[in-house]
C-alpha atoms as a PDB file:
ATOM      1  CA  MET A   1      13.296   8.721  20.137  1.00  0.00           C
ATOM      2  CA  LYS A   2      10.304   7.337  18.273  1.00  0.00           C
ATOM      3  CA  HIS A   3      11.058   4.762  15.585  1.00  0.00           C
ATOM      4  CA  GLN A   4       8.795   4.079  12.621  1.00  0.00           C
ATOM      5  CA  ALA A   5       9.223   1.189  10.196  1.00  0.00           C
ATOM      6  CA  THR A   6       8.573   2.225   6.613  1.00  0.00           C
ATOM      7  CA  PRO A   7       6.800  -0.329   4.434  1.00  0.00           C
ATOM      8  CA  TYR A   8       8.463  -0.961   1.074  1.00  0.00           C
ATOM      9  CA  PHE A   9       6.412  -2.750  -1.562  1.00  0.00           C
ATOM     10  CA  SER A  10       7.985  -4.664  -4.440  1.00  0.00           C
ATOM     11  CA  PHE A  11       6.030  -5.359  -7.618  1.00  0.00           C
ATOM     12  CA  ASP A  12       6.583  -7.277 -10.840  1.00  0.00           C
ATOM     13  CA  GLY A  13       5.971  -4.429 -13.284  1.00  0.00           C
ATOM     14  CA  GLN A  14       2.818  -3.177 -11.507  1.00  0.00           C
ATOM     15  CA  ALA A  15       4.290  -0.451  -9.282  1.00  0.00           C
ATOM     16  CA  ARG A  16       2.955   2.440 -11.386  1.00  0.00           C
ATOM     17  CA  ASN A  17      -0.592   1.011 -11.351  1.00  0.00           C
ATOM     18  CA  ALA A  18      -0.358   0.289  -7.622  1.00  0.00           C
ATOM     19  CA  LEU A  19       0.884   3.812  -6.926  1.00  0.00           C
ATOM     20  CA  GLU A  20      -2.086   5.319  -8.792  1.00  0.00           C
ATOM     21  CA  TYR A  21      -4.452   2.971  -6.956  1.00  0.00           C
ATOM     22  CA  TYR A  22      -3.114   3.999  -3.531  1.00  0.00           C
ATOM     23  CA  LYS A  23      -3.243   7.654  -4.539  1.00  0.00           C
ATOM     24  CA  GLU A  24      -6.947   7.215  -5.381  1.00  0.00           C
ATOM     25  CA  VAL A  25      -7.771   5.213  -2.239  1.00  0.00           C
ATOM     26  CA  PHE A  26      -5.916   7.338   0.313  1.00  0.00           C
ATOM     27  CA  GLU A  27      -5.993  10.715  -1.501  1.00  0.00           C
ATOM     28  CA  GLY A  28      -2.333  11.288  -0.741  1.00  0.00           C
ATOM     29  CA  GLU A  29       0.553  12.521  -2.794  1.00  0.00           C
ATOM     30  CA  VAL A  30       3.327  10.872  -4.712  1.00  0.00           C
ATOM     31  CA  LEU A  31       6.512  12.467  -3.403  1.00  0.00           C
ATOM     32  CA  GLY A  32       8.780  11.190  -6.111  1.00  0.00           C
ATOM     33  CA  VAL A  33       9.113   8.597  -8.848  1.00  0.00           C
ATOM     34  CA  GLN A  34      12.311   7.473 -10.502  1.00  0.00           C
ATOM     35  CA  THR A  35      12.304   4.918 -13.290  1.00  0.00           C
ATOM     36  CA  PHE A  36      15.073   2.469 -14.089  1.00  0.00           C
ATOM     37  CA  GLY A  37      15.645   4.420 -17.308  1.00  0.00           C
ATOM     38  CA  GLU A  38      16.236   7.645 -15.368  1.00  0.00           C
ATOM     39  CA  ALA A  39      18.606   6.083 -12.855  1.00  0.00           C
ATOM     40  CA  ASP A  40      22.353   5.870 -13.195  1.00  0.00           C
ATOM     41  CA  PHE A  41      22.166   2.110 -12.781  1.00  0.00           C
ATOM     42  CA  PRO A  42      22.724  -0.566 -15.426  1.00  0.00           C
ATOM     43  CA  SER A  43      19.383  -2.166 -16.258  1.00  0.00           C
ATOM     44  CA  PRO A  44      17.807  -3.890 -19.253  1.00  0.00           C
ATOM     45  CA  PRO A  45      16.021  -1.596 -21.726  1.00  0.00           C
ATOM     46  CA  GLU A  46      12.722  -3.481 -21.323  1.00  0.00           C
ATOM     47  CA  ILE A  47      12.336  -2.107 -17.778  1.00  0.00           C
ATOM     48  CA  ALA A  48      13.285   1.502 -18.580  1.00  0.00           C
ATOM     49  CA  ASP A  49       9.729   2.690 -17.767  1.00  0.00           C
ATOM     50  CA  HIS A  50       9.389   0.533 -14.627  1.00  0.00           C
ATOM     51  CA  ILE A  51       9.623   2.263 -11.265  1.00  0.00           C
ATOM     52  CA  MET A  52      12.960   1.925  -9.504  1.00  0.00           C
ATOM     53  CA  HIS A  53      11.836   3.959  -6.494  1.00  0.00           C
ATOM     54  CA  ALA A  54       8.705   5.884  -5.502  1.00  0.00           C
ATOM     55  CA  GLN A  55       7.389   7.424  -2.290  1.00  0.00           C
ATOM     56  CA  PHE A  56       3.810   8.006  -1.154  1.00  0.00           C
ATOM     57  CA  LYS A  57       2.527  10.101   1.758  1.00  0.00           C
ATOM     58  CA  LYS A  58      -0.812  10.992   3.331  1.00  0.00           C
ATOM     59  CA  ARG A  59      -0.328  12.573   6.763  1.00  0.00           C
ATOM     60  CA  GLU A  60       1.402   9.854   8.844  1.00  0.00           C
ATOM     61  CA  LEU A  61       0.870   7.142   6.193  1.00  0.00           C
ATOM     62  CA  PHE A  62       4.158   6.799   4.332  1.00  0.00           C
ATOM     63  CA  PHE A  63       5.485   3.980   2.173  1.00  0.00           C
ATOM     64  CA  MET A  64       7.871   3.361  -0.683  1.00  0.00           C
ATOM     65  CA  MET A  65       7.770   0.994  -3.633  1.00  0.00           C
ATOM     66  CA  SER A  66       9.529  -0.265  -6.716  1.00  0.00           C
ATOM     67  CA  ASP A  67       9.314  -2.796  -9.484  1.00  0.00           C
ATOM     68  CA  SER A  68      11.588  -5.774  -9.142  1.00  0.00           C
ATOM     69  CA  PHE A  69      14.565  -6.415 -11.371  1.00  0.00           C
ATOM     70  CA  PRO A  70      13.996  -9.051 -14.101  1.00  0.00           C
ATOM     71  CA  GLY A  71      14.345 -12.561 -12.697  1.00  0.00           C
ATOM     72  CA  GLN A  72      13.689 -11.386  -9.115  1.00  0.00           C
ATOM     73  CA  ALA A  73       9.884 -11.188  -9.119  1.00  0.00           C
ATOM     74  CA  PRO A  74       8.369 -10.914  -5.646  1.00  0.00           C
ATOM     75  CA  THR A  75       5.758 -13.378  -4.477  1.00  0.00           C
ATOM     76  CA  ALA A  76       2.552 -12.167  -2.888  1.00  0.00           C
ATOM     77  CA  GLY A  77       1.876 -13.551   0.551  1.00  0.00           C
ATOM     78  CA  ASN A  78       0.222 -12.822   3.830  1.00  0.00           C
ATOM     79  CA  GLN A  79       3.408 -12.374   5.866  1.00  0.00           C
ATOM     80  CA  VAL A  80       2.959  -8.595   5.960  1.00  0.00           C
ATOM     81  CA  SER A  81      -0.112  -6.558   6.863  1.00  0.00           C
ATOM     82  CA  LEU A  82      -0.273  -2.820   7.133  1.00  0.00           C
ATOM     83  CA  VAL A  83      -2.318  -1.528  10.040  1.00  0.00           C
ATOM     84  CA  LEU A  84      -4.117   1.780   9.674  1.00  0.00           C
ATOM     85  CA  GLU A  85      -5.217   3.252  13.000  1.00  0.00           C
ATOM     86  CA  LEU A  86      -8.032   5.503  11.862  1.00  0.00           C
ATOM     87  CA  GLU A  87      -9.421   8.574  13.603  1.00  0.00           C
ATOM     88  CA  SER A  88     -13.137   8.223  12.898  1.00  0.00           C
ATOM     89  CA  GLU A  89     -15.880   5.837  11.910  1.00  0.00           C
ATOM     90  CA  GLU A  90     -16.252   7.880   8.732  1.00  0.00           C
ATOM     91  CA  ASP A  91     -12.589   7.238   7.820  1.00  0.00           C
ATOM     92  CA  ILE A  92     -12.766   3.474   8.390  1.00  0.00           C
ATOM     93  CA  ASN A  93     -15.967   3.222   6.350  1.00  0.00           C
ATOM     94  CA  MET A  94     -14.431   5.237   3.506  1.00  0.00           C
ATOM     95  CA  TYR A  95     -11.185   3.214   3.303  1.00  0.00           C
ATOM     96  CA  TYR A  96     -13.030  -0.086   3.696  1.00  0.00           C
ATOM     97  CA  GLU A  97     -15.317   0.809   0.797  1.00  0.00           C
ATOM     98  CA  ARG A  98     -12.445   1.966  -1.422  1.00  0.00           C
ATOM     99  CA  LEU A  99     -10.172  -0.995  -0.697  1.00  0.00           C
ATOM    100  CA  SER A 100     -12.905  -3.628  -0.962  1.00  0.00           C
ATOM    101  CA  GLU A 101     -14.122  -2.239  -4.301  1.00  0.00           C
ATOM    102  CA  LYS A 102     -11.193  -3.824  -6.173  1.00  0.00           C
ATOM    103  CA  GLY A 103      -9.772  -5.930  -3.344  1.00  0.00           C
ATOM    104  CA  THR A 104     -10.763  -9.067  -1.451  1.00  0.00           C
ATOM    105  CA  VAL A 105     -12.416  -8.780   1.944  1.00  0.00           C
ATOM    106  CA  ILE A 106     -10.685 -11.119   4.412  1.00  0.00           C
ATOM    107  CA  MET A 107     -12.661  -9.927   7.436  1.00  0.00           C
ATOM    108  CA  GLU A 108     -15.833  -7.865   7.088  1.00  0.00           C
ATOM    109  CA  LEU A 109     -16.041  -4.466   8.762  1.00  0.00           C
ATOM    110  CA  GLN A 110     -17.324  -5.223  12.275  1.00  0.00           C
ATOM    111  CA  ASP A 111     -17.373  -4.339  15.939  1.00  0.00           C
ATOM    112  CA  THR A 112     -14.702  -6.230  17.875  1.00  0.00           C
ATOM    113  CA  PHE A 113     -14.159  -7.528  21.375  1.00  0.00           C
ATOM    114  CA  TRP A 114     -11.267  -5.054  21.827  1.00  0.00           C
ATOM    115  CA  GLY A 115     -13.599  -2.052  21.522  1.00  0.00           C
ATOM    116  CA  ALA A 116     -12.873  -1.139  17.942  1.00  0.00           C
ATOM    117  CA  ILE A 117     -14.375  -1.306  14.489  1.00  0.00           C
ATOM    118  CA  TYR A 118     -12.085  -3.463  12.362  1.00  0.00           C
ATOM    119  CA  ALA A 119     -11.738  -4.965   8.893  1.00  0.00           C
ATOM    120  CA  LYS A 120      -9.045  -6.726   6.879  1.00  0.00           C
ATOM    121  CA  VAL A 121      -8.861  -6.340   3.098  1.00  0.00           C
ATOM    122  CA  LYS A 122      -6.326  -7.637   0.558  1.00  0.00           C
ATOM    123  CA  ASP A 123      -5.879  -5.095  -2.214  1.00  0.00           C
ATOM    124  CA  PRO A 124      -5.549  -6.101  -5.886  1.00  0.00           C
ATOM    125  CA  TYR A 125      -1.744  -6.100  -5.524  1.00  0.00           C
ATOM    126  CA  GLY A 126      -1.646  -8.666  -2.704  1.00  0.00           C
ATOM    127  CA  ILE A 127      -1.108  -6.227   0.187  1.00  0.00           C
ATOM    128  CA  ASN A 128      -3.170  -6.877   3.341  1.00  0.00           C
ATOM    129  CA  TRP A 129      -4.623  -3.797   5.062  1.00  0.00           C
ATOM    130  CA  ASP A 130      -5.865  -4.002   8.669  1.00  0.00           C
ATOM    131  CA  LEU A 131      -8.268  -1.116   9.264  1.00  0.00           C
ATOM    132  CA  ASN A 132      -8.876  -0.257  12.922  1.00  0.00           C
ATOM    133  CA  PHE A 133     -10.865   2.502  14.599  1.00  0.00           C
ATOM    134  CA  THR A 134     -10.832   2.383  18.409  1.00  0.00           C
ATOM    135  CA  LYS A 135     -14.145   3.664  19.711  1.00  0.00           C
ATOM    136  CA  PRO A 136     -13.973   6.563  22.188  1.00  0.00           C
END
């Protein structure tokens, strides 16, 4: 059986903006969005429009996200990176360009000693993306 860990991003009121950003970058689809106001869960009225749970998918790329509950704001850090194993040089160039447009380049797109083209970019929401295309 193949196991796949699913990334889950937590935001401090920015989940909707982040979801739209990822939709634009990866050209995927939002599978579902539920707000705190729509959920059968006691929550303060000021977060009624915040996302309680959302899912995003583009082929094998799948992740979920939500806004945090008041008083439980997440902190951005570098303890998690998401690795995208890309299928072509065209794909890695496209995602690098899109992510670096509003993000921060940590490692420029470059040839590597492991036989790949690689880059690392932190997006505007603090998520690190490792882009890798292994040359044939």
